[in-house]
């Protein structure tokens, strides 16, 4: 990983937008840092489109889409999206209704298996707002050891689910989506452009294991400094890294982009 100050000015000038994670990328202890929120508005004012892609529930993504300066808010690690326009609130999913019904049954089997074999595991307290996945708290309200996280992931796999681990949650994923695929699908579905054809024109910013697919997919990527705690879970690390962590790091990355764009 290279320091963010070495970010290529030409790449910044060609950017169409910024795709970013939320937890521990914009937030510290669950709260969005003021400098990160301000950075979003400055990026938007500079003409960049903003897409939030988070492991948080689609119910939370709806709130993000309503209140942040976003083109799209994508939740549950790519499983669905929300778009707010002047006249509409639009919801969409990566998978069709029939597939999601089958996935729901599979998630219920995962939940029963975890309850039986790992009764200590606590569902994430945002589960009430989830529509497509199952998430357990590993670092938000409780702190779970690496050994227990591995046990939880093994139980997911035993029921045919794919473990996706962030800084706060362990998700049982039953869709083929991930953060990168979710962005591509949502933009195509809403006729907002072909991200796959111009992926070098999007900067991705994240921090942890559930950002792995996006770090690998986007050629221009940056991690906030706390990404160093999760490098073992990232087959492809971000190309650049900030000096500061979390929301302060996001603001640092945004500032580097904006300075290069001002010198266009």
C-alpha atoms as a PDB file:
ATOM      1  CA  UNK A   1       0.000   0.000   0.000  1.00  0.00           C
ATOM      2  CA  UNK A   2       1.236   3.442  -0.916  1.00  0.00           C
ATOM      3  CA  UNK A   3       0.658   6.637   1.089  1.00  0.00           C
ATOM      4  CA  UNK A   4      -2.405   8.527  -0.057  1.00  0.00           C
ATOM      5  CA  UNK A   5      -0.251  11.537  -0.927  1.00  0.00           C
ATOM      6  CA  UNK A   6       1.113   9.501  -3.869  1.00  0.00           C
ATOM      7  CA  UNK A   7      -2.344   9.155  -5.430  1.00  0.00           C
ATOM      8  CA  UNK A   8      -2.097   9.814  -9.173  1.00  0.00           C
ATOM      9  CA  UNK A   9      -3.422  13.318 -10.018  1.00  0.00           C
ATOM     10  CA  UNK A  10      -4.518  12.195 -13.485  1.00  0.00           C
ATOM     11  CA  UNK A  11      -6.557   9.347 -11.987  1.00  0.00           C
ATOM     12  CA  UNK A  12      -8.257  11.817  -9.638  1.00  0.00           C
ATOM     13  CA  UNK A  13      -9.107  14.140 -12.494  1.00  0.00           C
ATOM     14  CA  UNK A  14     -10.757  11.277 -14.409  1.00  0.00           C
ATOM     15  CA  UNK A  15     -12.894  10.113 -11.495  1.00  0.00           C
ATOM     16  CA  UNK A  16     -16.630  10.009 -11.964  1.00  0.00           C
ATOM     17  CA  UNK A  17     -17.375   9.112  -8.381  1.00  0.00           C
ATOM     18  CA  UNK A  18     -16.482   7.558  -5.036  1.00  0.00           C
ATOM     19  CA  UNK A  19     -17.803   4.265  -3.661  1.00  0.00           C
ATOM     20  CA  UNK A  20     -17.306   3.853   0.073  1.00  0.00           C
ATOM     21  CA  UNK A  21     -17.932   1.667   3.083  1.00  0.00           C
ATOM     22  CA  UNK A  22     -19.551   3.156   6.190  1.00  0.00           C
ATOM     23  CA  UNK A  23     -18.626   1.382   9.457  1.00  0.00           C
ATOM     24  CA  UNK A  24     -15.118   2.287  10.623  1.00  0.00           C
ATOM     25  CA  UNK A  25     -14.582   4.085   7.313  1.00  0.00           C
ATOM     26  CA  UNK A  26     -16.837   7.069   8.022  1.00  0.00           C
ATOM     27  CA  UNK A  27     -17.545   6.225  11.650  1.00  0.00           C
ATOM     28  CA  UNK A  28     -15.750   5.928  14.971  1.00  0.00           C
ATOM     29  CA  UNK A  29     -17.478   3.866  17.674  1.00  0.00           C
ATOM     30  CA  UNK A  30     -20.559   3.807  15.465  1.00  0.00           C
ATOM     31  CA  UNK A  31     -20.841   7.589  15.007  1.00  0.00           C
ATOM     32  CA  UNK A  32     -20.169   9.377  11.740  1.00  0.00           C
ATOM     33  CA  UNK A  33     -17.298  11.768  12.251  1.00  0.00           C
ATOM     34  CA  UNK A  34     -18.009  15.386  11.363  1.00  0.00           C
ATOM     35  CA  UNK A  35     -15.003  15.709   9.061  1.00  0.00           C
ATOM     36  CA  UNK A  36     -16.123  12.633   7.104  1.00  0.00           C
ATOM     37  CA  UNK A  37     -19.653  13.951   6.672  1.00  0.00           C
ATOM     38  CA  UNK A  38     -18.270  17.303   5.545  1.00  0.00           C
ATOM     39  CA  UNK A  39     -15.953  15.493   3.107  1.00  0.00           C
ATOM     40  CA  UNK A  40     -18.963  13.820   1.470  1.00  0.00           C
ATOM     41  CA  UNK A  41     -20.547  17.172   0.739  1.00  0.00           C
ATOM     42  CA  UNK A  42     -17.267  18.585  -0.574  1.00  0.00           C
ATOM     43  CA  UNK A  43     -16.841  15.600  -2.900  1.00  0.00           C
ATOM     44  CA  UNK A  44     -20.408  16.046  -4.103  1.00  0.00           C
ATOM     45  CA  UNK A  45     -19.843  19.794  -4.652  1.00  0.00           C
ATOM     46  CA  UNK A  46     -16.807  18.908  -6.776  1.00  0.00           C
ATOM     47  CA  UNK A  47     -19.088  17.009  -9.163  1.00  0.00           C
ATOM     48  CA  UNK A  48     -18.423  13.461  -7.950  1.00  0.00           C
ATOM     49  CA  UNK A  49     -21.200  10.894  -7.580  1.00  0.00           C
ATOM     50  CA  UNK A  50     -21.280   9.096  -4.231  1.00  0.00           C
ATOM     51  CA  UNK A  51     -22.301   5.491  -3.599  1.00  0.00           C
ATOM     52  CA  UNK A  52     -22.382   4.063  -0.074  1.00  0.00           C
ATOM     53  CA  UNK A  53     -22.028   0.272   0.076  1.00  0.00           C
ATOM     54  CA  UNK A  54     -22.304  -1.234   3.528  1.00  0.00           C
ATOM     55  CA  UNK A  55     -22.948  -4.440   5.409  1.00  0.00           C
ATOM     56  CA  UNK A  56     -25.637  -2.570   7.321  1.00  0.00           C
ATOM     57  CA  UNK A  57     -29.300  -3.466   6.703  1.00  0.00           C
ATOM     58  CA  UNK A  58     -31.276  -2.266   3.731  1.00  0.00           C
ATOM     59  CA  UNK A  59     -33.485  -0.449   6.227  1.00  0.00           C
ATOM     60  CA  UNK A  60     -30.433   1.611   7.201  1.00  0.00           C
ATOM     61  CA  UNK A  61     -29.481   2.055   3.539  1.00  0.00           C
ATOM     62  CA  UNK A  62     -32.857   3.695   3.036  1.00  0.00           C
ATOM     63  CA  UNK A  63     -32.025   6.222   5.755  1.00  0.00           C
ATOM     64  CA  UNK A  64     -28.610   6.868   4.165  1.00  0.00           C
ATOM     65  CA  UNK A  65     -30.205   7.426   0.765  1.00  0.00           C
ATOM     66  CA  UNK A  66     -32.693   9.872   2.275  1.00  0.00           C
ATOM     67  CA  UNK A  67     -30.229  11.946   4.296  1.00  0.00           C
ATOM     68  CA  UNK A  68     -26.782  11.727   2.656  1.00  0.00           C
ATOM     69  CA  UNK A  69     -25.741  13.320  -0.667  1.00  0.00           C
ATOM     70  CA  UNK A  70     -25.781   9.944  -2.434  1.00  0.00           C
ATOM     71  CA  UNK A  71     -26.453   8.613  -5.885  1.00  0.00           C
ATOM     72  CA  UNK A  72     -27.218   5.204  -4.333  1.00  0.00           C
ATOM     73  CA  UNK A  73     -27.106   3.468  -0.976  1.00  0.00           C
ATOM     74  CA  UNK A  74     -26.364  -0.271  -1.176  1.00  0.00           C
ATOM     75  CA  UNK A  75     -26.923  -2.470   1.858  1.00  0.00           C
ATOM     76  CA  UNK A  76     -26.286  -5.961   3.184  1.00  0.00           C
ATOM     77  CA  UNK A  77     -23.002  -6.260   1.266  1.00  0.00           C
ATOM     78  CA  UNK A  78     -24.601  -5.762  -2.140  1.00  0.00           C
ATOM     79  CA  UNK A  79     -27.901  -7.611  -1.680  1.00  0.00           C
ATOM     80  CA  UNK A  80     -30.051  -4.569  -2.392  1.00  0.00           C
ATOM     81  CA  UNK A  81     -30.079  -0.841  -2.978  1.00  0.00           C
ATOM     82  CA  UNK A  82     -32.074   2.319  -2.404  1.00  0.00           C
ATOM     83  CA  UNK A  83     -32.174   5.375  -4.622  1.00  0.00           C
ATOM     84  CA  UNK A  84     -33.897   8.645  -3.782  1.00  0.00           C
ATOM     85  CA  UNK A  85     -34.822  11.123  -6.525  1.00  0.00           C
ATOM     86  CA  UNK A  86     -36.827  14.333  -6.375  1.00  0.00           C
ATOM     87  CA  UNK A  87     -39.999  12.366  -7.007  1.00  0.00           C
ATOM     88  CA  UNK A  88     -39.340   8.747  -5.998  1.00  0.00           C
ATOM     89  CA  UNK A  89     -37.845   6.375  -3.464  1.00  0.00           C
ATOM     90  CA  UNK A  90     -36.703   3.310  -5.423  1.00  0.00           C
ATOM     91  CA  UNK A  91     -35.793  -0.045  -3.893  1.00  0.00           C
ATOM     92  CA  UNK A  92     -34.100  -2.881  -5.764  1.00  0.00           C
ATOM     93  CA  UNK A  93     -32.499  -6.254  -5.080  1.00  0.00           C
ATOM     94  CA  UNK A  94     -29.608  -8.242  -6.487  1.00  0.00           C
ATOM     95  CA  UNK A  95     -31.751 -11.401  -6.630  1.00  0.00           C
ATOM     96  CA  UNK A  96     -35.333 -11.931  -7.762  1.00  0.00           C
ATOM     97  CA  UNK A  97     -38.305 -12.581  -5.475  1.00  0.00           C
ATOM     98  CA  UNK A  98     -38.309 -16.374  -5.907  1.00  0.00           C
ATOM     99  CA  UNK A  99     -34.588 -16.638  -5.186  1.00  0.00           C
ATOM    100  CA  UNK A 100     -34.873 -14.437  -2.109  1.00  0.00           C
ATOM    101  CA  UNK A 101     -37.707 -16.593  -0.761  1.00  0.00           C
ATOM    102  CA  UNK A 102     -35.456 -19.658  -1.003  1.00  0.00           C
ATOM    103  CA  UNK A 103     -32.588 -17.725   0.554  1.00  0.00           C
ATOM    104  CA  UNK A 104     -34.794 -16.729   3.479  1.00  0.00           C
ATOM    105  CA  UNK A 105     -35.460 -20.406   4.238  1.00  0.00           C
ATOM    106  CA  UNK A 106     -31.736 -21.127   4.123  1.00  0.00           C
ATOM    107  CA  UNK A 107     -31.010 -18.264   6.520  1.00  0.00           C
ATOM    108  CA  UNK A 108     -33.536 -19.694   8.963  1.00  0.00           C
ATOM    109  CA  UNK A 109     -31.607 -22.987   8.885  1.00  0.00           C
ATOM    110  CA  UNK A 110     -28.364 -21.108   9.551  1.00  0.00           C
ATOM    111  CA  UNK A 111     -29.968 -19.292  12.471  1.00  0.00           C
ATOM    112  CA  UNK A 112     -31.243 -22.554  13.984  1.00  0.00           C
ATOM    113  CA  UNK A 113     -27.800 -24.180  13.592  1.00  0.00           C
ATOM    114  CA  UNK A 114     -26.047 -21.276  15.295  1.00  0.00           C
ATOM    115  CA  UNK A 115     -28.583 -21.237  18.127  1.00  0.00           C
ATOM    116  CA  UNK A 116     -27.958 -24.947  18.689  1.00  0.00           C
ATOM    117  CA  UNK A 117     -24.164 -25.099  18.315  1.00  0.00           C
ATOM    118  CA  UNK A 118     -23.073 -21.583  19.334  1.00  0.00           C
ATOM    119  CA  UNK A 119     -25.689 -20.317  21.795  1.00  0.00           C
ATOM    120  CA  UNK A 120     -23.288 -17.576  22.906  1.00  0.00           C
ATOM    121  CA  UNK A 121     -23.587 -15.866  19.504  1.00  0.00           C
ATOM    122  CA  UNK A 122     -25.675 -12.688  19.491  1.00  0.00           C
ATOM    123  CA  UNK A 123     -27.591 -11.481  16.463  1.00  0.00           C
ATOM    124  CA  UNK A 124     -26.663  -7.958  15.441  1.00  0.00           C
ATOM    125  CA  UNK A 125     -28.992  -5.454  17.070  1.00  0.00           C
ATOM    126  CA  UNK A 126     -29.851  -4.041  13.635  1.00  0.00           C
ATOM    127  CA  UNK A 127     -31.326  -7.382  12.528  1.00  0.00           C
ATOM    128  CA  UNK A 128     -34.864  -5.978  12.620  1.00  0.00           C
ATOM    129  CA  UNK A 129     -33.992  -3.866   9.542  1.00  0.00           C
ATOM    130  CA  UNK A 130     -32.396  -6.677   7.523  1.00  0.00           C
ATOM    131  CA  UNK A 131     -34.081  -8.167   4.468  1.00  0.00           C
ATOM    132  CA  UNK A 132     -31.557 -10.491   2.802  1.00  0.00           C
ATOM    133  CA  UNK A 133     -28.880 -11.636   5.236  1.00  0.00           C
ATOM    134  CA  UNK A 134     -28.131 -12.731   8.785  1.00  0.00           C
ATOM    135  CA  UNK A 135     -25.554 -10.897  10.893  1.00  0.00           C
ATOM    136  CA  UNK A 136     -23.990 -11.636  14.282  1.00  0.00           C
ATOM    137  CA  UNK A 137     -22.293  -9.090  16.493  1.00  0.00           C
ATOM    138  CA  UNK A 138     -18.553  -9.679  16.799  1.00  0.00           C
ATOM    139  CA  UNK A 139     -17.271  -6.197  17.586  1.00  0.00           C
ATOM    140  CA  UNK A 140     -20.039  -3.632  17.994  1.00  0.00           C
ATOM    141  CA  UNK A 141     -21.753  -4.253  21.344  1.00  0.00           C
ATOM    142  CA  UNK A 142     -19.773  -7.401  22.205  1.00  0.00           C
ATOM    143  CA  UNK A 143     -16.221  -8.438  21.348  1.00  0.00           C
ATOM    144  CA  UNK A 144     -15.823 -11.995  20.111  1.00  0.00           C
ATOM    145  CA  UNK A 145     -12.502 -13.857  19.960  1.00  0.00           C
ATOM    146  CA  UNK A 146     -10.936 -14.902  16.664  1.00  0.00           C
ATOM    147  CA  UNK A 147     -11.539 -18.547  17.594  1.00  0.00           C
ATOM    148  CA  UNK A 148     -15.247 -17.983  18.114  1.00  0.00           C
ATOM    149  CA  UNK A 149     -15.533 -15.978  14.897  1.00  0.00           C
ATOM    150  CA  UNK A 150     -13.964 -18.926  13.070  1.00  0.00           C
ATOM    151  CA  UNK A 151     -16.453 -21.290  14.751  1.00  0.00           C
ATOM    152  CA  UNK A 152     -19.345 -19.079  13.686  1.00  0.00           C
ATOM    153  CA  UNK A 153     -18.102 -18.949  10.103  1.00  0.00           C
ATOM    154  CA  UNK A 154     -17.745 -22.738  10.029  1.00  0.00           C
ATOM    155  CA  UNK A 155     -21.383 -23.090  11.101  1.00  0.00           C
ATOM    156  CA  UNK A 156     -22.454 -20.767   8.290  1.00  0.00           C
ATOM    157  CA  UNK A 157     -20.535 -22.884   5.787  1.00  0.00           C
ATOM    158  CA  UNK A 158     -22.020 -26.096   7.160  1.00  0.00           C
ATOM    159  CA  UNK A 159     -25.433 -24.793   6.113  1.00  0.00           C
ATOM    160  CA  UNK A 160     -24.215 -23.658   2.678  1.00  0.00           C
ATOM    161  CA  UNK A 161     -23.831 -19.957   3.523  1.00  0.00           C
ATOM    162  CA  UNK A 162     -20.778 -17.844   2.791  1.00  0.00           C
ATOM    163  CA  UNK A 163     -19.154 -16.013   5.731  1.00  0.00           C
ATOM    164  CA  UNK A 164     -18.469 -12.308   5.222  1.00  0.00           C
ATOM    165  CA  UNK A 165     -16.731 -10.637   8.151  1.00  0.00           C
ATOM    166  CA  UNK A 166     -16.515  -6.901   8.776  1.00  0.00           C
ATOM    167  CA  UNK A 167     -15.077  -4.970  11.698  1.00  0.00           C
ATOM    168  CA  UNK A 168     -18.384  -5.270  13.571  1.00  0.00           C
ATOM    169  CA  UNK A 169     -20.390  -8.188  12.164  1.00  0.00           C
ATOM    170  CA  UNK A 170     -20.077 -11.737  10.858  1.00  0.00           C
ATOM    171  CA  UNK A 171     -22.595 -12.159   8.049  1.00  0.00           C
ATOM    172  CA  UNK A 172     -24.084 -15.371   6.692  1.00  0.00           C
ATOM    173  CA  UNK A 173     -24.438 -14.572   2.989  1.00  0.00           C
ATOM    174  CA  UNK A 174     -26.587 -16.773   0.761  1.00  0.00           C
ATOM    175  CA  UNK A 175     -26.499 -14.635  -2.384  1.00  0.00           C
ATOM    176  CA  UNK A 176     -23.729 -14.536  -4.975  1.00  0.00           C
ATOM    177  CA  UNK A 177     -23.515 -10.773  -4.501  1.00  0.00           C
ATOM    178  CA  UNK A 178     -20.677  -8.856  -2.913  1.00  0.00           C
ATOM    179  CA  UNK A 179     -19.992  -5.146  -2.610  1.00  0.00           C
ATOM    180  CA  UNK A 180     -18.471  -4.839  -6.091  1.00  0.00           C
ATOM    181  CA  UNK A 181     -21.197  -6.871  -7.812  1.00  0.00           C
ATOM    182  CA  UNK A 182     -23.830  -4.956  -5.898  1.00  0.00           C
ATOM    183  CA  UNK A 183     -22.537  -1.617  -7.173  1.00  0.00           C
ATOM    184  CA  UNK A 184     -22.374  -2.833 -10.778  1.00  0.00           C
ATOM    185  CA  UNK A 185     -25.877  -4.331 -10.607  1.00  0.00           C
ATOM    186  CA  UNK A 186     -27.506  -1.307  -8.977  1.00  0.00           C
ATOM    187  CA  UNK A 187     -26.018   1.150 -11.453  1.00  0.00           C
ATOM    188  CA  UNK A 188     -27.135  -0.983 -14.390  1.00  0.00           C
ATOM    189  CA  UNK A 189     -30.610  -1.505 -12.969  1.00  0.00           C
ATOM    190  CA  UNK A 190     -31.076   2.227 -12.475  1.00  0.00           C
ATOM    191  CA  UNK A 191     -29.443   3.115 -15.822  1.00  0.00           C
ATOM    192  CA  UNK A 192     -26.739   5.099 -14.058  1.00  0.00           C
ATOM    193  CA  UNK A 193     -23.899   3.802 -16.203  1.00  0.00           C
ATOM    194  CA  UNK A 194     -21.817   0.697 -16.758  1.00  0.00           C
ATOM    195  CA  UNK A 195     -19.385   0.627 -13.845  1.00  0.00           C
ATOM    196  CA  UNK A 196     -17.757  -2.499 -15.257  1.00  0.00           C
ATOM    197  CA  UNK A 197     -16.753  -0.604 -18.408  1.00  0.00           C
ATOM    198  CA  UNK A 198     -15.282   2.333 -16.485  1.00  0.00           C
ATOM    199  CA  UNK A 199     -14.210   0.925 -13.150  1.00  0.00           C
ATOM    200  CA  UNK A 200     -10.994   3.019 -13.196  1.00  0.00           C
ATOM    201  CA  UNK A 201     -13.215   6.108 -12.945  1.00  0.00           C
ATOM    202  CA  UNK A 202     -14.470   5.136  -9.491  1.00  0.00           C
ATOM    203  CA  UNK A 203     -12.459   5.350  -6.272  1.00  0.00           C
ATOM    204  CA  UNK A 204     -13.323   2.788  -3.605  1.00  0.00           C
ATOM    205  CA  UNK A 205     -12.617   3.526   0.071  1.00  0.00           C
ATOM    206  CA  UNK A 206     -12.983   0.907   2.795  1.00  0.00           C
ATOM    207  CA  UNK A 207     -11.450  -0.721   5.838  1.00  0.00           C
ATOM    208  CA  UNK A 208     -12.094  -4.429   6.410  1.00  0.00           C
ATOM    209  CA  UNK A 209     -12.793  -7.966   5.224  1.00  0.00           C
ATOM    210  CA  UNK A 210     -16.223  -7.378   3.733  1.00  0.00           C
ATOM    211  CA  UNK A 211     -14.569  -4.797   1.439  1.00  0.00           C
ATOM    212  CA  UNK A 212     -12.289  -7.447  -0.097  1.00  0.00           C
ATOM    213  CA  UNK A 213     -14.240  -7.823  -3.352  1.00  0.00           C
ATOM    214  CA  UNK A 214     -14.335  -4.067  -3.902  1.00  0.00           C
ATOM    215  CA  UNK A 215     -10.624  -3.618  -3.181  1.00  0.00           C
ATOM    216  CA  UNK A 216      -9.923  -6.307  -5.776  1.00  0.00           C
ATOM    217  CA  UNK A 217     -12.409  -4.930  -8.325  1.00  0.00           C
ATOM    218  CA  UNK A 218     -11.663  -1.210  -8.383  1.00  0.00           C
ATOM    219  CA  UNK A 219      -8.202  -0.266  -9.768  1.00  0.00           C
ATOM    220  CA  UNK A 220      -8.234   2.977  -7.766  1.00  0.00           C
ATOM    221  CA  UNK A 221      -8.744   2.048  -4.130  1.00  0.00           C
ATOM    222  CA  UNK A 222      -7.788   3.425  -0.749  1.00  0.00           C
ATOM    223  CA  UNK A 223      -8.049   2.201   2.808  1.00  0.00           C
ATOM    224  CA  UNK A 224      -8.346   4.242   5.947  1.00  0.00           C
ATOM    225  CA  UNK A 225      -5.414   3.500   8.268  1.00  0.00           C
ATOM    226  CA  UNK A 226      -7.286   0.897  10.344  1.00  0.00           C
ATOM    227  CA  UNK A 227      -7.387  -1.326   7.250  1.00  0.00           C
ATOM    228  CA  UNK A 228      -3.989  -2.551   8.452  1.00  0.00           C
ATOM    229  CA  UNK A 229      -5.813  -4.509  11.178  1.00  0.00           C
ATOM    230  CA  UNK A 230      -7.617  -6.552   8.488  1.00  0.00           C
ATOM    231  CA  UNK A 231      -4.971  -7.194   5.820  1.00  0.00           C
ATOM    232  CA  UNK A 232      -5.038 -10.937   6.486  1.00  0.00           C
ATOM    233  CA  UNK A 233      -8.646 -10.955   5.236  1.00  0.00           C
ATOM    234  CA  UNK A 234      -7.840  -8.994   2.072  1.00  0.00           C
ATOM    235  CA  UNK A 235      -6.331 -11.044  -0.786  1.00  0.00           C
ATOM    236  CA  UNK A 236      -5.898  -7.742  -2.642  1.00  0.00           C
ATOM    237  CA  UNK A 237      -5.131  -4.816  -0.317  1.00  0.00           C
ATOM    238  CA  UNK A 238      -6.050  -1.241  -1.227  1.00  0.00           C
ATOM    239  CA  UNK A 239      -3.529   0.504  -3.465  1.00  0.00           C
ATOM    240  CA  UNK A 240      -3.336   3.522  -1.167  1.00  0.00           C
ATOM    241  CA  UNK A 241      -3.746   4.124   2.550  1.00  0.00           C
ATOM    242  CA  UNK A 242      -4.339   7.186   4.700  1.00  0.00           C
ATOM    243  CA  UNK A 243      -2.279   8.214   7.701  1.00  0.00           C
ATOM    244  CA  UNK A 244      -5.357   8.772   9.854  1.00  0.00           C
ATOM    245  CA  UNK A 245      -7.907   6.138  10.753  1.00  0.00           C
ATOM    246  CA  UNK A 246     -11.672   5.897  10.279  1.00  0.00           C
ATOM    247  CA  UNK A 247     -13.555   9.108   9.467  1.00  0.00           C
ATOM    248  CA  UNK A 248     -10.418  11.210   9.797  1.00  0.00           C
ATOM    249  CA  UNK A 249      -8.777   8.950   7.219  1.00  0.00           C
ATOM    250  CA  UNK A 250     -11.753   9.254   4.891  1.00  0.00           C
ATOM    251  CA  UNK A 251     -11.483  13.040   5.083  1.00  0.00           C
ATOM    252  CA  UNK A 252      -7.751  12.798   4.377  1.00  0.00           C
ATOM    253  CA  UNK A 253      -8.370  10.695   1.261  1.00  0.00           C
ATOM    254  CA  UNK A 254     -11.124  13.050   0.092  1.00  0.00           C
ATOM    255  CA  UNK A 255      -8.815  16.033   0.548  1.00  0.00           C
ATOM    256  CA  UNK A 256      -6.123  14.400  -1.590  1.00  0.00           C
ATOM    257  CA  UNK A 257      -8.675  13.788  -4.356  1.00  0.00           C
ATOM    258  CA  UNK A 258     -10.053  17.307  -4.189  1.00  0.00           C
ATOM    259  CA  UNK A 259      -6.616  18.939  -4.287  1.00  0.00           C
ATOM    260  CA  UNK A 260      -5.706  17.023  -7.422  1.00  0.00           C
ATOM    261  CA  UNK A 261      -9.005  17.895  -9.063  1.00  0.00           C
ATOM    262  CA  UNK A 262      -8.540  21.596  -8.328  1.00  0.00           C
ATOM    263  CA  UNK A 263      -5.280  21.479 -10.272  1.00  0.00           C
ATOM    264  CA  UNK A 264      -6.907  19.895 -13.289  1.00  0.00           C
END
